[in-house]
C-alpha atoms as a PDB file:
ATOM      1  CA  MET A   1     -17.084   2.931   5.601  1.00  0.00           C
ATOM      2  CA  ILE A   2     -14.128   0.571   4.319  1.00  0.00           C
ATOM      3  CA  LEU A   3     -11.284   0.171   6.592  1.00  0.00           C
ATOM      4  CA  GLY A   4      -7.953   0.244   4.463  1.00  0.00           C
ATOM      5  CA  SER A   5      -4.375  -0.441   5.291  1.00  0.00           C
ATOM      6  CA  HIS A   6      -1.548   2.124   4.122  1.00  0.00           C
ATOM      7  CA  ASN A   7       1.306   0.419   2.663  1.00  0.00           C
ATOM      8  CA  SER A   8      -0.191  -2.904   3.378  1.00  0.00           C
ATOM      9  CA  TRP A   9       2.953  -5.061   2.514  1.00  0.00           C
ATOM     10  CA  SER A  10       5.146  -2.930   4.714  1.00  0.00           C
ATOM     11  CA  TYR A  11       4.973  -5.656   7.358  1.00  0.00           C
ATOM     12  CA  LEU A  12       7.473  -7.679   5.405  1.00  0.00           C
ATOM     13  CA  PRO A  13      11.294  -7.596   6.198  1.00  0.00           C
ATOM     14  CA  PRO A  14      13.408  -5.232   3.826  1.00  0.00           C
ATOM     15  CA  LYS A  15      15.169  -7.206   1.374  1.00  0.00           C
ATOM     16  CA  HIS A  16      18.508  -5.422   1.775  1.00  0.00           C
ATOM     17  CA  TRP A  17      20.616  -5.766   5.332  1.00  0.00           C
ATOM     18  CA  TRP A  18      21.767  -2.378   5.130  1.00  0.00           C
ATOM     19  CA  ILE A  19      18.299  -1.012   5.539  1.00  0.00           C
ATOM     20  CA  TRP A  20      17.132  -2.779   8.626  1.00  0.00           C
ATOM     21  CA  PRO A  21      18.562   0.044  11.042  1.00  0.00           C
ATOM     22  CA  PHE A  22      15.827   2.572   8.993  1.00  0.00           C
ATOM     23  CA  HIS A  23      13.119   0.109   8.296  1.00  0.00           C
ATOM     24  CA  PHE A  24      11.306   1.395  11.566  1.00  0.00           C
ATOM     25  CA  MET A  25      10.816   4.760   9.231  1.00  0.00           C
ATOM     26  CA  ALA A  26       8.948   3.079   6.437  1.00  0.00           C
ATOM     27  CA  LYS A  27       7.060   0.408   8.253  1.00  0.00           C
ATOM     28  CA  CYS A  28       3.387   1.036   8.289  1.00  0.00           C
ATOM     29  CA  GLN A  29       1.814  -2.391   9.120  1.00  0.00           C
ATOM     30  CA  ARG A  30       2.911  -5.018  11.525  1.00  0.00           C
ATOM     31  CA  VAL A  31       0.388  -7.984  10.624  1.00  0.00           C
ATOM     32  CA  ASP A  32       0.105  -9.650   7.240  1.00  0.00           C
ATOM     33  CA  ILE A  33      -2.202  -9.489   4.688  1.00  0.00           C
ATOM     34  CA  ARG A  34      -4.622 -12.437   5.874  1.00  0.00           C
ATOM     35  CA  GLU A  35      -4.502 -10.912   9.470  1.00  0.00           C
ATOM     36  CA  GLN A  36      -5.058  -7.533   8.350  1.00  0.00           C
ATOM     37  CA  TYR A  37      -8.177  -9.028   6.353  1.00  0.00           C
ATOM     38  CA  GLU A  38      -9.452 -11.641   9.103  1.00  0.00           C
ATOM     39  CA  LYS A  39      -8.702 -10.200  12.403  1.00  0.00           C
ATOM     40  CA  TYR A  40      -8.604  -6.273  11.632  1.00  0.00           C
ATOM     41  CA  GLY A  41     -11.709  -6.296   9.010  1.00  0.00           C
ATOM     42  CA  VAL A  42      -9.401  -4.420   6.540  1.00  0.00           C
ATOM     43  CA  ARG A  43     -10.900  -4.518   3.057  1.00  0.00           C
ATOM     44  CA  CYS A  44      -8.808  -2.035   1.122  1.00  0.00           C
ATOM     45  CA  PHE A  45      -5.086  -2.722   0.781  1.00  0.00           C
ATOM     46  CA  ASP A  46      -2.400  -0.413  -0.665  1.00  0.00           C
ATOM     47  CA  LEU A  47       0.183  -1.894  -2.618  1.00  0.00           C
ATOM     48  CA  ARG A  48       3.248   0.102  -4.016  1.00  0.00           C
ATOM     49  CA  VAL A  49       5.546  -1.206  -6.690  1.00  0.00           C
ATOM     50  CA  ARG A  50       8.619  -0.403  -8.830  1.00  0.00           C
ATOM     51  CA  TRP A  51      11.053  -2.127 -11.101  1.00  0.00           C
ATOM     52  CA  LYS A  52      14.779  -2.599 -10.789  1.00  0.00           C
ATOM     53  CA  LYS A  53      16.350  -4.420 -13.611  1.00  0.00           C
ATOM     54  CA  TRP A  54      13.116  -5.629 -15.312  1.00  0.00           C
ATOM     55  CA  LYS A  55      12.075  -7.239 -11.738  1.00  0.00           C
ATOM     56  CA  MET A  56       9.063  -5.910  -9.883  1.00  0.00           C
ATOM     57  CA  GLN A  57       9.665  -4.771  -6.158  1.00  0.00           C
ATOM     58  CA  VAL A  58       7.402  -4.195  -3.473  1.00  0.00           C
ATOM     59  CA  ALA A  59       8.571  -0.723  -1.942  1.00  0.00           C
ATOM     60  CA  HIS A  60       8.193   2.034   0.403  1.00  0.00           C
ATOM     61  CA  GLY A  61      10.585   5.052  -0.124  1.00  0.00           C
ATOM     62  CA  ILE A  62      14.001   3.511  -0.184  1.00  0.00           C
ATOM     63  CA  VAL A  63      12.816   0.176   1.283  1.00  0.00           C
ATOM     64  CA  GLU A  64      12.308  -2.707  -1.007  1.00  0.00           C
ATOM     65  CA  TYR A  65      10.575  -5.620   0.795  1.00  0.00           C
ATOM     66  CA  ASP A  66      11.478  -9.349   0.731  1.00  0.00           C
ATOM     67  CA  ILE A  67       8.527 -10.904  -1.029  1.00  0.00           C
ATOM     68  CA  SER A  68       8.558 -13.326  -4.012  1.00  0.00           C
ATOM     69  CA  GLU A  69       6.429 -13.067  -6.852  1.00  0.00           C
ATOM     70  CA  GLN A  70       4.730 -16.156  -6.030  1.00  0.00           C
ATOM     71  CA  GLN A  71       3.745 -14.891  -2.451  1.00  0.00           C
ATOM     72  CA  LEU A  72       2.594 -11.678  -3.752  1.00  0.00           C
ATOM     73  CA  LYS A  73       0.350 -13.887  -6.154  1.00  0.00           C
ATOM     74  CA  ASP A  74      -1.022 -15.917  -3.326  1.00  0.00           C
ATOM     75  CA  ASP A  75      -2.063 -12.700  -1.427  1.00  0.00           C
ATOM     76  CA  LEU A  76      -3.723 -11.384  -4.197  1.00  0.00           C
ATOM     77  CA  ALA A  77      -5.254 -14.770  -4.891  1.00  0.00           C
ATOM     78  CA  PHE A  78      -6.452 -14.763  -1.192  1.00  0.00           C
ATOM     79  CA  LEU A  79      -7.937 -11.345  -1.717  1.00  0.00           C
ATOM     80  CA  ASN A  80      -9.640 -12.270  -4.940  1.00  0.00           C
ATOM     81  CA  ASP A  81     -11.255 -15.262  -3.456  1.00  0.00           C
ATOM     82  CA  LYS A  82     -12.937 -13.039  -0.631  1.00  0.00           C
ATOM     83  CA  GLY A  83     -14.471 -11.009  -3.353  1.00  0.00           C
ATOM     84  CA  ASP A  84     -15.022  -7.933  -1.209  1.00  0.00           C
ATOM     85  CA  CYS A  85     -11.649  -6.276  -1.549  1.00  0.00           C
ATOM     86  CA  PHE A  86     -10.196  -3.028  -2.991  1.00  0.00           C
ATOM     87  CA  VAL A  87      -6.452  -2.822  -3.754  1.00  0.00           C
ATOM     88  CA  ARG A  88      -4.845   0.544  -4.531  1.00  0.00           C
ATOM     89  CA  ILE A  89      -1.890   0.259  -6.784  1.00  0.00           C
ATOM     90  CA  ILE A  90       0.764   3.014  -6.649  1.00  0.00           C
ATOM     91  CA  HIS A  91       3.915   3.381  -8.907  1.00  0.00           C
ATOM     92  CA  GLU A  92       6.651   3.806  -6.359  1.00  0.00           C
ATOM     93  CA  VAL A  93       8.967   6.018  -8.123  1.00  0.00           C
ATOM     94  CA  ARG A  94      10.085   9.484  -7.195  1.00  0.00           C
ATOM     95  CA  THR A  95      12.257  10.505  -9.881  1.00  0.00           C
ATOM     96  CA  GLU A  96      11.772  11.081 -13.658  1.00  0.00           C
ATOM     97  CA  LYS A  97      14.546   8.594 -14.475  1.00  0.00           C
ATOM     98  CA  GLN A  98      12.857   5.927 -12.377  1.00  0.00           C
ATOM     99  CA  TYR A  99       9.647   6.857 -13.924  1.00  0.00           C
ATOM    100  CA  TRP A 100      10.428   6.387 -17.398  1.00  0.00           C
ATOM    101  CA  LYS A 101      12.405   3.230 -16.931  1.00  0.00           C
ATOM    102  CA  SER A 102       9.360   1.488 -15.770  1.00  0.00           C
ATOM    103  CA  VAL A 103       6.159   3.054 -16.480  1.00  0.00           C
ATOM    104  CA  GLU A 104       5.437   0.480 -19.256  1.00  0.00           C
ATOM    105  CA  PHE A 105       5.991  -2.523 -16.811  1.00  0.00           C
ATOM    106  CA  PHE A 106       3.750  -0.761 -14.185  1.00  0.00           C
ATOM    107  CA  LYS A 107       1.113  -0.443 -16.801  1.00  0.00           C
ATOM    108  CA  SER A 108       1.619  -4.015 -17.724  1.00  0.00           C
ATOM    109  CA  PHE A 109       1.365  -5.101 -14.121  1.00  0.00           C
ATOM    110  CA  CYS A 110      -1.760  -3.139 -13.635  1.00  0.00           C
ATOM    111  CA  TYR A 111      -3.513  -4.796 -16.976  1.00  0.00           C
ATOM    112  CA  VAL A 112      -2.441  -8.368 -15.676  1.00  0.00           C
ATOM    113  CA  SER A 113      -3.625  -7.511 -12.049  1.00  0.00           C
ATOM    114  CA  VAL A 114      -7.186  -6.626 -13.474  1.00  0.00           C
ATOM    115  CA  SER A 115      -7.350  -9.624 -15.511  1.00  0.00           C
ATOM    116  CA  ASP A 116      -5.961 -12.411 -13.056  1.00  0.00           C
ATOM    117  CA  TYR A 117      -7.785 -11.155 -10.074  1.00  0.00           C
ATOM    118  CA  PRO A 118     -11.373 -10.249 -11.441  1.00  0.00           C
ATOM    119  CA  ASN A 119     -12.952 -10.097  -8.106  1.00  0.00           C
ATOM    120  CA  ILE A 120     -10.649  -7.419  -6.505  1.00  0.00           C
ATOM    121  CA  LYS A 121     -11.728  -3.670  -7.187  1.00  0.00           C
ATOM    122  CA  PHE A 122      -8.264  -2.320  -8.217  1.00  0.00           C
ATOM    123  CA  TRP A 123      -7.776   1.461  -8.224  1.00  0.00           C
ATOM    124  CA  CYS A 124      -5.490   4.468  -8.457  1.00  0.00           C
ATOM    125  CA  GLY A 125      -2.728   3.673 -10.840  1.00  0.00           C
ATOM    126  CA  ARG A 126      -0.960   6.816 -10.019  1.00  0.00           C
ATOM    127  CA  ASN A 127       2.961   7.288  -9.744  1.00  0.00           C
ATOM    128  CA  LEU A 128       4.602   9.087  -6.914  1.00  0.00           C
ATOM    129  CA  TYR A 129       6.975  11.194  -9.075  1.00  0.00           C
ATOM    130  CA  ASN A 130       4.272  13.361 -10.451  1.00  0.00           C
ATOM    131  CA  TRP A 131       0.961  11.875  -9.216  1.00  0.00           C
ATOM    132  CA  THR A 132      -0.060  11.725 -12.790  1.00  0.00           C
ATOM    133  CA  CYS A 133      -2.316   8.571 -13.619  1.00  0.00           C
ATOM    134  CA  ASP A 134      -0.269   5.754 -15.321  1.00  0.00           C
ATOM    135  CA  TYR A 135      -3.214   3.382 -15.417  1.00  0.00           C
ATOM    136  CA  SER A 136      -6.876   4.021 -15.445  1.00  0.00           C
ATOM    137  CA  PHE A 137      -8.859   1.455 -13.454  1.00  0.00           C
ATOM    138  CA  ARG A 138     -12.733   1.184 -13.544  1.00  0.00           C
ATOM    139  CA  CYS A 139     -13.119   1.776  -9.948  1.00  0.00           C
ATOM    140  CA  HIS A 140     -12.472   5.108  -8.429  1.00  0.00           C
ATOM    141  CA  PRO A 141     -13.443   5.136  -4.514  1.00  0.00           C
ATOM    142  CA  THR A 142     -12.861   8.437  -2.389  1.00  0.00           C
ATOM    143  CA  CYS A 143     -10.275   7.842   0.208  1.00  0.00           C
ATOM    144  CA  ASP A 144      -9.469   9.605   3.632  1.00  0.00           C
ATOM    145  CA  GLU A 145      -6.015   8.877   4.460  1.00  0.00           C
ATOM    146  CA  LYS A 146      -5.367   9.284   8.459  1.00  0.00           C
ATOM    147  CA  TYR A 147      -1.795   8.508   9.106  1.00  0.00           C
ATOM    148  CA  SER A 148       1.202  10.744  10.290  1.00  0.00           C
ATOM    149  CA  SER A 149       2.622  11.726   6.758  1.00  0.00           C
ATOM    150  CA  VAL A 150      -0.486  13.535   5.767  1.00  0.00           C
ATOM    151  CA  CYS A 151      -1.734  14.596   9.212  1.00  0.00           C
ATOM    152  CA  TYR A 152       1.579  16.025  10.684  1.00  0.00           C
ATOM    153  CA  PRO A 153       4.823  17.580   9.736  1.00  0.00           C
ATOM    154  CA  ARG A 154       7.013  15.206   7.785  1.00  0.00           C
ATOM    155  CA  ILE A 155       9.417  14.644  10.859  1.00  0.00           C
ATOM    156  CA  ILE A 156       7.005  12.395  12.802  1.00  0.00           C
ATOM    157  CA  ASP A 157       6.133  10.295   9.736  1.00  0.00           C
ATOM    158  CA  ASP A 158      10.043   9.904   9.073  1.00  0.00           C
ATOM    159  CA  TRP A 159      10.717   8.614  12.692  1.00  0.00           C
ATOM    160  CA  TRP A 160       7.665   7.390  14.273  1.00  0.00           C
ATOM    161  CA  PRO A 161       4.731   6.400  11.920  1.00  0.00           C
ATOM    162  CA  TRP A 162       3.510   3.982  14.666  1.00  0.00           C
ATOM    163  CA  LEU A 163       3.028   6.826  17.123  1.00  0.00           C
ATOM    164  CA  TYR A 164       0.357   8.488  15.179  1.00  0.00           C
ATOM    165  CA  ALA A 165      -1.467   5.369  14.693  1.00  0.00           C
ATOM    166  CA  ALA A 166      -1.167   4.411  18.562  1.00  0.00           C
ATOM    167  CA  ILE A 167      -2.492   7.850  19.502  1.00  0.00           C
ATOM    168  CA  HIS A 168      -5.336   8.342  16.789  1.00  0.00           C
ATOM    169  CA  ASN A 169      -6.503   4.948  15.062  1.00  0.00           C
ATOM    170  CA  ALA A 170      -9.036   4.390  17.609  1.00  0.00           C
ATOM    171  CA  GLU A 171     -10.588   7.978  17.516  1.00  0.00           C
ATOM    172  CA  ASN A 172     -10.136   8.135  13.603  1.00  0.00           C
ATOM    173  CA  ILE A 173     -12.094   4.471  13.133  1.00  0.00           C
ATOM    174  CA  ALA A 174     -14.895   5.521  15.429  1.00  0.00           C
ATOM    175  CA  LYS A 175     -15.257   9.027  13.866  1.00  0.00           C
ATOM    176  CA  GLY A 176     -15.374   7.342  10.299  1.00  0.00           C
ATOM    177  CA  THR A 177     -15.205   9.155   7.101  1.00  0.00           C
ATOM    178  CA  LYS A 178     -17.641  10.428   4.576  1.00  0.00           C
ATOM    179  CA  ASP A 179     -15.256   9.000   1.992  1.00  0.00           C
ATOM    180  CA  ASP A 180     -15.582   5.308   0.774  1.00  0.00           C
ATOM    181  CA  ILE A 181     -12.201   4.341   2.338  1.00  0.00           C
ATOM    182  CA  LEU A 182     -10.482   5.006   5.812  1.00  0.00           C
ATOM    183  CA  LEU A 183      -6.701   4.262   4.971  1.00  0.00           C
ATOM    184  CA  ILE A 184      -4.479   4.183   8.169  1.00  0.00           C
ATOM    185  CA  ASP A 185      -1.032   2.815   9.275  1.00  0.00           C
ATOM    186  CA  PHE A 186      -0.666  -0.003  12.046  1.00  0.00           C
ATOM    187  CA  VAL A 187      -4.303  -1.476  11.598  1.00  0.00           C
ATOM    188  CA  ASP A 188      -3.688  -3.564  14.657  1.00  0.00           C
ATOM    189  CA  LEU A 189      -3.298  -0.478  16.821  1.00  0.00           C
ATOM    190  CA  ARG A 190      -6.777   0.630  18.061  1.00  0.00           C
END
């Protein structure tokens, strides 16, 4: 079983000051990519991207994270150098308008990522608008997602995603999964 972190880059601070009071609702990780890998054994990372005025954003819902293009490249280069990582890329769009404005950018980003980081097993390539596949990767692992938004009614996830992780991560990790990947929030909570 491969351990994965859901919304892996959500440990970052929000890009916009006005989102700070609500950030706790979108935050799914507390430790950076290197620490997720080195200290907590994460080998699958969940990258959510969208485009705003032709500029890529790492995002989760309404939250856009404060990360430079170079920092993201450095994170992916780190994972590429390790040679044993998976990265799920999801097109973080939720409306038809957002989708059509950026689908070609998303496809291009996926293509370049595969080319630039050949040792990473990229997968998914779907969008959140209608869950269709926008880019087809070679890798298709199975994934068991154990975090509050898929295990409990939406209100738990919307307000306290760390609560499910604090209560259930140790059990979910110990139990394992028949799937290739177990994806969890807050990998540091066990």
